[in-house]
Protein backbone atom coordinates (compact mmCIF):
# COMPACT_ATOMS: atom_id res chain seq x y z
CA UNK A 1 -7.17 54.55 52.41
CA UNK A 2 -7.47 58.33 52.49
CA UNK A 3 -8.05 60.03 55.95
CA UNK A 4 -11.52 60.93 56.41
CA UNK A 5 -12.08 63.69 58.77
CA UNK A 6 -14.26 63.80 61.74
CA UNK A 7 -16.63 66.46 60.27
CA UNK A 8 -17.15 64.17 57.01
CA UNK A 9 -18.04 61.37 59.38
CA UNK A 10 -20.24 63.52 61.40
CA UNK A 11 -22.11 64.69 57.94
CA UNK A 12 -22.70 60.97 56.76
CA UNK A 13 -23.83 59.96 60.38
CA UNK A 14 -26.51 62.93 60.14
CA UNK A 15 -27.58 62.01 56.47
CA UNK A 16 -27.81 58.38 57.30
CA UNK A 17 -30.15 59.21 60.63
CA UNK A 18 -32.41 61.05 58.41
CA UNK A 19 -33.36 57.68 56.10
CA UNK A 20 -35.66 54.96 57.28
CA UNK A 21 -34.03 52.35 59.44
CA UNK A 22 -34.69 48.98 60.09
CA UNK A 23 -35.14 48.23 63.78
CA UNK A 24 -35.36 44.83 65.64
CA UNK A 25 -37.15 45.33 68.82
CA UNK A 26 -38.88 42.84 70.99
CA UNK A 27 -42.42 43.32 72.17
CA UNK A 28 -42.41 44.95 75.60
CA UNK A 29 -43.12 42.63 78.27
CA UNK A 30 -46.29 43.23 80.60
CA UNK A 31 -47.41 41.65 83.77
CA UNK A 32 -48.45 38.49 81.75
CA UNK A 33 -45.16 37.78 80.52
CA UNK A 34 -43.86 33.92 81.14
CA UNK A 35 -40.95 32.35 82.91
CA UNK A 36 -40.46 29.00 81.22
CA UNK A 37 -37.70 26.43 81.87
CA UNK A 38 -36.87 23.30 80.11
CA UNK A 39 -34.23 20.86 81.86
CA UNK A 40 -32.55 18.37 80.05
CA UNK A 41 -34.22 14.66 79.73
CA UNK A 42 -32.27 12.25 81.96
CA UNK A 43 -34.84 9.26 81.48
CA UNK A 44 -33.66 6.54 79.53
CA UNK A 45 -33.61 7.02 75.73
CA UNK A 46 -35.82 9.94 76.01
CA UNK A 47 -34.39 11.96 73.08
CA UNK A 48 -37.28 14.74 72.56
CA UNK A 49 -37.31 18.16 73.62
CA UNK A 50 -40.61 20.13 74.10
CA UNK A 51 -39.89 23.17 72.31
CA UNK A 52 -37.61 23.70 69.01
CA UNK A 53 -35.14 26.72 68.99
CA UNK A 54 -37.60 28.48 66.23
CA UNK A 55 -40.53 28.11 69.17
CA UNK A 56 -38.17 29.60 71.64
CA UNK A 57 -37.68 32.43 69.40
CA UNK A 58 -41.40 32.96 68.76
CA UNK A 59 -41.69 32.91 72.58
CA UNK A 60 -38.79 35.51 73.30
CA UNK A 61 -39.87 37.80 70.70
CA UNK A 62 -43.42 37.82 72.51
CA UNK A 63 -41.76 38.83 75.62
CA UNK A 64 -41.32 35.54 77.46
CA UNK A 65 -38.19 34.48 79.23
CA UNK A 66 -37.03 30.87 78.16
CA UNK A 67 -34.23 29.23 80.22
CA UNK A 68 -32.90 25.87 78.75
CA UNK A 69 -30.43 23.42 80.15
CA UNK A 70 -27.41 23.03 78.46
CA UNK A 71 -27.79 19.72 75.77
CA UNK A 72 -31.39 19.57 76.32
CA UNK A 73 -31.74 19.62 72.36
CA UNK A 74 -28.79 17.49 71.57
CA UNK A 75 -30.38 14.22 70.84
CA UNK A 76 -32.56 15.99 68.36
CA UNK A 77 -29.93 17.87 66.76
CA UNK A 78 -30.57 21.33 68.16
CA UNK A 79 -27.74 22.98 69.70
CA UNK A 80 -27.09 25.50 72.41
CA UNK A 81 -26.20 28.00 70.05
CA UNK A 82 -29.39 27.54 68.26
CA UNK A 83 -31.22 28.11 71.59
CA UNK A 84 -29.16 31.01 72.55
CA UNK A 85 -29.37 33.08 69.14
CA UNK A 86 -33.21 32.29 69.50
CA UNK A 87 -32.93 34.09 72.80
CA UNK A 88 -33.27 31.50 75.39
CA UNK A 89 -30.90 31.62 78.65
CA UNK A 90 -28.74 28.48 78.57
CA UNK A 91 -28.54 26.78 81.95
CA UNK A 92 -25.58 24.89 82.94
CA UNK A 93 -26.80 23.36 86.48
CA UNK A 94 -29.60 20.65 86.35
CA UNK A 95 -31.03 21.84 89.46
CA UNK A 96 -31.12 25.38 88.36
CA UNK A 97 -33.10 24.42 85.12
CA UNK A 98 -36.35 23.95 87.51
CA UNK A 99 -36.32 27.38 88.68
CA UNK A 100 -39.24 29.22 86.72
CA UNK A 101 -42.80 29.81 87.05
CA UNK A 102 -43.44 27.06 84.33
CA UNK A 103 -41.49 23.92 83.58
CA UNK A 104 -41.87 22.16 80.49
CA UNK A 105 -40.67 18.63 80.08
CA UNK A 106 -41.38 15.57 78.16
CA UNK A 107 -41.14 12.91 80.69
CA UNK A 108 -42.41 13.26 84.21
CA UNK A 109 -39.73 14.73 86.69
CA UNK A 110 -37.79 12.01 88.70
CA UNK A 111 -37.78 11.75 92.57
CA UNK A 112 -34.40 13.68 92.49
CA UNK A 113 -36.11 16.14 90.13
CA UNK A 114 -38.99 16.94 92.06
CA UNK A 115 -36.43 17.99 94.73
CA UNK A 116 -35.56 20.80 92.46
CA UNK A 117 -38.94 22.05 91.84
CA UNK A 118 -39.85 25.34 93.81
CA UNK A 119 -43.00 25.69 95.51
CA UNK A 120 -46.09 26.84 93.68
CA UNK A 121 -44.49 26.05 90.53
CA UNK A 122 -46.49 25.03 87.30
CA UNK A 123 -45.25 21.56 85.77
CA UNK A 124 -46.24 20.70 82.53
CA UNK A 125 -45.09 17.11 81.45
CA UNK A 126 -46.16 13.55 80.67
CA UNK A 127 -47.78 11.46 83.57
CA UNK A 128 -47.30 8.00 82.50
CA UNK A 129 -50.17 6.22 84.20
CA UNK A 130 -48.20 2.59 84.12
CA UNK A 131 -45.19 3.82 86.02
CA UNK A 132 -47.09 6.02 88.49
CA UNK A 133 -46.61 5.65 92.11
CA UNK A 134 -48.57 7.43 95.17
CA UNK A 135 -45.48 9.14 96.43
CA UNK A 136 -44.96 10.95 93.28
CA UNK A 137 -48.24 12.57 93.78
CA UNK A 138 -47.82 13.17 97.36
CA UNK A 139 -44.53 14.70 96.92
CA UNK A 140 -45.74 17.18 94.03
CA UNK A 141 -48.65 18.00 96.53
CA UNK A 142 -46.42 18.85 99.40
CA UNK A 143 -44.77 21.44 97.17
CA UNK A 144 -48.26 22.68 95.96
CA UNK A 145 -47.67 22.13 92.42
CA UNK A 146 -50.12 22.79 89.71
CA UNK A 147 -49.42 19.73 87.16
CA UNK A 148 -50.64 19.43 83.90
CA UNK A 149 -50.51 15.88 82.00
CA UNK A 150 -50.17 16.94 78.23
CA UNK A 151 -51.19 13.50 77.18
CA UNK A 152 -54.51 14.43 78.18
CA UNK A 153 -54.94 17.77 76.96
CA UNK A 154 -57.61 18.45 74.43
CA UNK A 155 -58.03 20.94 71.88
CA UNK A 156 -60.81 23.20 70.15
CA UNK A 157 -62.46 20.06 68.62
CA UNK A 158 -61.83 17.48 71.53
CA UNK A 159 -59.19 15.47 70.19
CA UNK A 160 -55.76 14.73 72.14
CA UNK A 161 -53.55 16.61 70.05
CA UNK A 162 -49.94 15.41 71.41
CA UNK A 163 -51.14 11.95 71.50
CA UNK A 164 -52.73 12.10 68.07
CA UNK A 165 -49.17 13.64 66.90
CA UNK A 166 -47.19 10.87 68.51
CA UNK A 167 -49.41 8.22 67.19
CA UNK A 168 -49.14 9.56 63.65
CA UNK A 169 -45.25 9.49 63.99
CA UNK A 170 -45.53 5.83 65.58
CA UNK A 171 -47.49 4.54 63.24
CA UNK A 172 -45.61 5.96 59.83
CA UNK A 173 -42.33 4.87 62.01
CA UNK A 174 -43.60 1.14 62.52
CA UNK A 175 -43.91 0.82 58.76
CA UNK A 176 -40.31 2.03 57.98
CA UNK A 177 -39.01 0.19 60.73
CA UNK A 178 -40.65 -3.09 59.30
CA UNK A 179 -39.11 -1.91 55.68
CA UNK A 180 -35.80 -1.96 57.64
CA UNK A 181 -36.07 -5.39 59.14
CA UNK A 182 -37.34 -7.36 56.19
CA UNK A 183 -34.28 -6.54 54.46
CA UNK A 184 -31.08 -9.12 54.51
CA UNK A 185 -28.98 -6.48 56.63
CA UNK A 186 -31.16 -6.96 59.63
CA UNK A 187 -31.43 -10.94 59.21
CA UNK A 188 -34.70 -10.48 57.80
CA UNK A 189 -36.33 -12.46 54.60
CA UNK A 190 -34.70 -10.06 52.25
CA UNK A 191 -37.49 -8.50 50.84
CA UNK A 192 -38.42 -5.05 49.49
CA UNK A 193 -41.34 -3.54 51.26
CA UNK A 194 -44.21 -3.21 48.80
CA UNK A 195 -42.48 -5.44 45.98
CA UNK A 196 -42.27 -4.82 42.46
CA UNK A 197 -44.63 -5.55 39.68
CA UNK A 198 -44.57 -9.17 39.03
CA UNK A 199 -43.75 -9.87 42.56
CA UNK A 200 -46.34 -10.25 45.21
CA UNK A 201 -46.74 -7.44 47.44
CA UNK A 202 -45.52 -7.43 51.30
CA UNK A 203 -48.59 -8.57 53.42
CA UNK A 204 -49.28 -6.41 56.35
CA UNK A 205 -51.55 -7.12 59.42
CA UNK A 206 -52.34 -4.23 61.28
CA UNK A 207 -54.30 -4.71 64.80
CA UNK A 208 -55.95 -1.58 65.78
CA UNK A 209 -57.77 1.09 63.93
CA UNK A 210 -56.91 4.09 65.97
CA UNK A 211 -54.56 6.77 65.05
CA UNK A 212 -51.27 4.70 64.96
CA UNK A 213 -52.99 1.74 62.87
CA UNK A 214 -54.28 4.59 60.44
CA UNK A 215 -50.97 6.17 59.68
CA UNK A 216 -49.44 2.61 59.69
CA UNK A 217 -52.13 1.86 56.90
CA UNK A 218 -51.31 4.90 55.23
CA UNK A 219 -47.50 4.28 55.02
CA UNK A 220 -48.01 0.64 53.97
CA UNK A 221 -50.20 1.46 51.37
CA UNK A 222 -47.91 4.33 50.13
CA UNK A 223 -45.14 1.53 49.92
CA UNK A 224 -47.55 -0.67 47.75
CA UNK A 225 -48.01 -3.25 50.53
CA UNK A 226 -51.28 -5.32 50.87
CA UNK A 227 -53.00 -4.44 54.13
CA UNK A 228 -55.48 -6.19 56.53
CA UNK A 229 -57.05 -4.02 59.31
CA UNK A 230 -58.50 -5.80 62.53
CA UNK A 231 -60.38 -4.01 65.53
CA UNK A 232 -63.39 -4.66 67.57
CA UNK A 233 -64.84 -1.32 66.89
CA UNK A 234 -66.62 -0.95 63.73
CA UNK A 235 -66.85 2.78 63.97
CA UNK A 236 -63.01 3.10 64.19
CA UNK A 237 -62.98 0.53 60.97
CA UNK A 238 -65.37 2.51 59.05
CA UNK A 239 -63.55 5.86 60.19
CA UNK A 240 -60.31 4.36 59.10
CA UNK A 241 -61.56 3.80 55.39
CA UNK A 242 -63.17 7.06 55.26
CA UNK A 243 -60.15 8.78 56.34
CA UNK A 244 -57.75 6.85 53.95
CA UNK A 245 -60.47 7.26 51.08
CA UNK A 246 -60.41 3.88 49.88
CA UNK A 247 -61.68 0.12 50.71
CA UNK A 248 -59.54 -2.00 52.63
CA UNK A 249 -59.35 -5.75 54.06
CA UNK A 250 -60.83 -5.26 57.60
CA UNK A 251 -62.41 -7.40 60.37
CA UNK A 252 -63.19 -7.55 63.90
CA UNK A 253 -60.93 -9.50 65.92
CA UNK A 254 -62.34 -13.09 65.53
CA UNK A 255 -59.56 -15.58 66.51
CA UNK A 256 -59.63 -17.88 63.51
CA UNK A 257 -59.92 -15.10 61.18
CA UNK A 258 -56.92 -13.17 62.84
CA UNK A 259 -55.01 -16.55 63.01
CA UNK A 260 -55.71 -17.05 59.12
CA UNK A 261 -54.31 -13.66 58.34
CA UNK A 262 -51.35 -13.78 60.59
CA UNK A 263 -50.10 -17.14 59.06
CA UNK A 264 -49.84 -15.24 55.50
CA UNK A 265 -48.42 -12.16 56.48
CA UNK A 266 -44.96 -10.89 56.30
CA UNK A 267 -45.45 -8.09 59.23
CA UNK A 268 -48.03 -7.77 62.07
CA UNK A 269 -48.12 -4.49 63.67
CA UNK A 270 -49.75 -4.21 67.19
CA UNK A 271 -51.51 -0.83 67.67
CA UNK A 272 -54.27 -1.58 70.15
CA UNK A 273 -54.66 1.08 72.96
CA UNK A 274 -56.56 0.77 76.19
CA UNK A 275 -58.19 3.54 78.20
CA UNK A 276 -57.38 1.61 81.52
CA UNK A 277 -53.55 1.71 80.80
CA UNK A 278 -53.40 -2.27 79.80
CA UNK A 279 -53.36 -3.16 75.92
CA UNK A 280 -55.55 -6.51 75.43
CA UNK A 281 -53.20 -9.21 74.58
CA UNK A 282 -55.10 -10.67 71.38
CA UNK A 283 -52.46 -12.66 69.69
CA UNK A 284 -51.43 -15.76 71.64
CA UNK A 285 -47.95 -17.66 71.43
CA UNK A 286 -49.62 -20.53 69.40
CA UNK A 287 -50.83 -18.00 66.91
CA UNK A 288 -47.03 -16.76 66.65
CA UNK A 289 -45.76 -20.16 66.28
CA UNK A 290 -47.83 -20.80 63.22
CA UNK A 291 -46.55 -17.48 61.40
CA UNK A 292 -44.18 -17.76 58.49
CA UNK A 293 -40.30 -18.04 59.51
CA UNK A 294 -38.46 -14.73 59.89
CA UNK A 295 -41.92 -12.57 59.58
CA UNK A 296 -41.84 -9.64 61.81
CA UNK A 297 -43.81 -8.40 64.66
CA UNK A 298 -43.64 -4.66 65.66
CA UNK A 299 -45.56 -4.13 68.66
CA UNK A 300 -46.46 -0.39 69.05
CA UNK A 301 -48.49 -1.12 72.18
CA UNK A 302 -45.62 -2.49 74.11
CA UNK A 303 -45.59 0.46 76.38
CA UNK A 304 -49.24 -0.67 77.28
CA UNK A 305 -48.06 -4.41 77.93
CA UNK A 306 -48.38 -5.29 74.08
CA UNK A 307 -51.01 -7.05 72.13
CA UNK A 308 -48.68 -10.11 71.32
CA UNK A 309 -48.34 -12.81 74.05
CA UNK A 310 -44.75 -13.22 72.94
CA UNK A 311 -43.62 -9.58 72.85
CA UNK A 312 -41.47 -8.23 75.56
CA UNK A 313 -39.99 -4.47 76.30
CA UNK A 314 -36.47 -3.74 74.30
CA UNK A 315 -34.77 -0.42 73.67
CA UNK A 316 -33.03 1.53 70.76
CA UNK A 317 -29.71 -0.34 71.11
CA UNK A 318 -31.11 -3.84 71.33
CA UNK A 319 -34.45 -3.64 69.59
CA UNK A 320 -35.32 -7.00 68.39
CA UNK A 321 -35.73 -10.24 70.11
CA UNK A 322 -36.38 -13.57 68.01
CA UNK A 323 -38.79 -16.05 69.20
CA UNK A 324 -40.10 -19.29 67.67
CA UNK A 325 -37.98 -17.81 64.57
CA UNK A 326 -39.99 -14.85 64.17
CA UNK A 327 -38.64 -11.12 64.55
CA UNK A 328 -40.12 -9.11 67.40
CA UNK A 329 -39.77 -5.36 67.77
CA UNK A 330 -40.37 -3.95 71.06
CA UNK A 331 -39.30 -0.55 71.58
CA UNK A 332 -41.38 1.67 73.88
CA UNK A 333 -41.64 5.31 72.72
CA UNK A 334 -41.01 4.70 69.14
CA UNK A 335 -41.31 8.66 68.51
CA UNK A 336 -37.94 9.18 70.17
CA UNK A 337 -36.27 7.44 67.08
CA UNK A 338 -37.28 10.11 65.26
CA UNK A 339 -36.59 12.84 67.92
CA UNK A 340 -36.26 16.03 65.76
CA UNK A 341 -39.58 15.37 63.90
CA UNK A 342 -41.23 14.70 67.16
CA UNK A 343 -39.90 17.80 68.97
CA UNK A 344 -40.99 19.83 66.06
CA UNK A 345 -44.51 18.46 66.43
CA UNK A 346 -44.41 18.95 70.27
CA UNK A 347 -43.21 22.56 69.47
CA UNK A 348 -46.19 23.14 67.40
CA UNK A 349 -48.50 22.38 70.07
CA UNK A 350 -46.99 24.05 72.97
CA UNK A 351 -45.75 27.29 71.29
CA UNK A 352 -49.29 28.70 70.60
CA UNK A 353 -50.54 27.28 73.67
CA UNK A 354 -48.19 29.09 76.01
CA UNK A 355 -48.86 32.56 73.86
CA UNK A 356 -52.60 31.97 74.75
CA UNK A 357 -51.82 31.12 78.54
CA UNK A 358 -50.04 34.35 78.61
CA UNK A 359 -52.98 36.51 76.73
CA UNK A 360 -55.15 35.17 79.26
CA UNK A 361 -52.97 36.50 82.09
CA UNK A 362 -51.18 33.44 83.07
CA UNK A 363 -51.72 29.61 83.73
CA UNK A 364 -54.39 29.88 86.28
CA UNK A 365 -56.53 32.43 84.62
CA UNK A 366 -56.45 30.30 81.58
CA UNK A 367 -57.57 27.11 83.14
CA UNK A 368 -60.78 29.06 83.85
CA UNK A 369 -61.37 29.72 80.14
CA UNK A 370 -60.17 26.49 78.65
CA UNK A 371 -61.82 23.38 79.04
CA UNK A 372 -59.58 21.35 77.09
CA UNK A 373 -56.76 22.53 79.23
CA UNK A 374 -58.31 21.59 82.30
CA UNK A 375 -58.72 17.92 81.16
CA UNK A 376 -54.92 17.73 81.55
CA UNK A 377 -54.83 18.89 85.11
CA UNK A 378 -54.28 16.50 87.88
CA UNK A 379 -53.02 18.81 90.54
CA UNK A 380 -53.93 22.17 91.14
CA UNK A 381 -51.76 23.96 93.81
CA UNK A 382 -51.07 20.95 95.60
CA UNK A 383 -54.85 19.60 95.43
CA UNK A 384 -55.39 16.11 93.42
CA UNK A 385 -58.15 17.04 91.07
CA UNK A 386 -58.15 13.77 89.02
CA UNK A 387 -60.77 11.35 90.55
CA UNK A 388 -59.49 8.49 88.84
CA UNK A 389 -56.10 8.84 90.68
CA UNK A 390 -57.59 9.70 93.97
CA UNK A 391 -59.67 6.32 93.70
CA UNK A 392 -56.44 4.30 92.59
CA UNK A 393 -54.33 5.58 95.19
CA UNK A 394 -56.70 6.04 97.93
CA UNK A 395 -56.20 9.79 97.91
CA UNK A 396 -58.49 12.54 98.47
CA UNK A 397 -59.45 14.43 95.08
CA UNK A 398 -61.55 17.79 94.70
CA UNK A 399 -63.43 19.30 92.01
CA UNK A 400 -60.96 21.77 89.93
CA UNK A 401 -63.85 24.24 89.11
CA UNK A 402 -64.36 24.88 92.44
CA UNK A 403 -60.70 25.43 93.27
CA UNK A 404 -60.11 27.64 90.38
CA UNK A 405 -62.93 29.56 91.09
CA UNK A 406 -62.03 30.14 94.87
CA UNK A 407 -58.59 31.45 93.49
CA UNK A 408 -60.18 33.75 90.81
């Protein structure tokens, strides 16, 4: 290569500097930037992560600091490198992953993880009422934590966006799981979900016409199955038909009608939910015993006790039990089975929410502005604000509006 003189290089540099140049630049940080930390989940079989690398990049480009523990996204197939390239700081110590103004998790912190929370931190995670203990609330209170249960957050139209998203995933996944366990490879009946022309379609019973039931019905119809839906709410049954845009077989939960449908079906999906944390058990063991051999039960409500008397909790490694020659699938947290999709769904909700929090001047000012976010707060600076939890555990609860106004 011919030698290039220093003078020539200087002239080239001068000319280049006169041309329009692209420049990547982060938005300038102001006093409202957020410090957010995402610890790796250590709860058994939890594979989701609350923010994807794309969402992290969005938040970093808006001037926020994201700290994420190494391996936090591994089970959702997000690498540390992807998070690092998006601008996150990778943390290699679990305890240090709780050192931030806002700690964002999927599952609630364990007893050990509560020790890692610094005083005054804001915690956003699930609450999981079924497993909640008084000591959990007491320890958060002692640390003056502001805690939000994301399953209670409401959006601008009053729906529960995270519950809705996870229910949509669980509903669709339940039918795909059914397709898997109907085939010979999983010791099923050897049937193709939906069948083919000239062969009777798969008969599916869905118990529950909420979000899980609706998306189970959508997926089943899309695969060509014949579907019957049961629910005691005529409003929910009517809404389901309206949303789907076609008539389907439906009924209130009358034991003899339900029994007849279960005897004919190939798959029964339990999708009943309860506000008090316990699903009604509407299918007795006697009903299950009269189902066709090698039929399949998928109890999506198993995390609330299940709606089949014969259901029991299983896990992703050993997902089925067989009772009375009927295959039972009883894995709670079905969304973790498709952890990457579920993580994207969580990210789509959390990332715009966090940007709005920052624009309002922080979490505490935003709580004053946003009624839907206040719905999720069960503890404000160490004060219990959920009256139902106070009644349940015999703890004093306070009105969140008064607490926020007093700190305004």
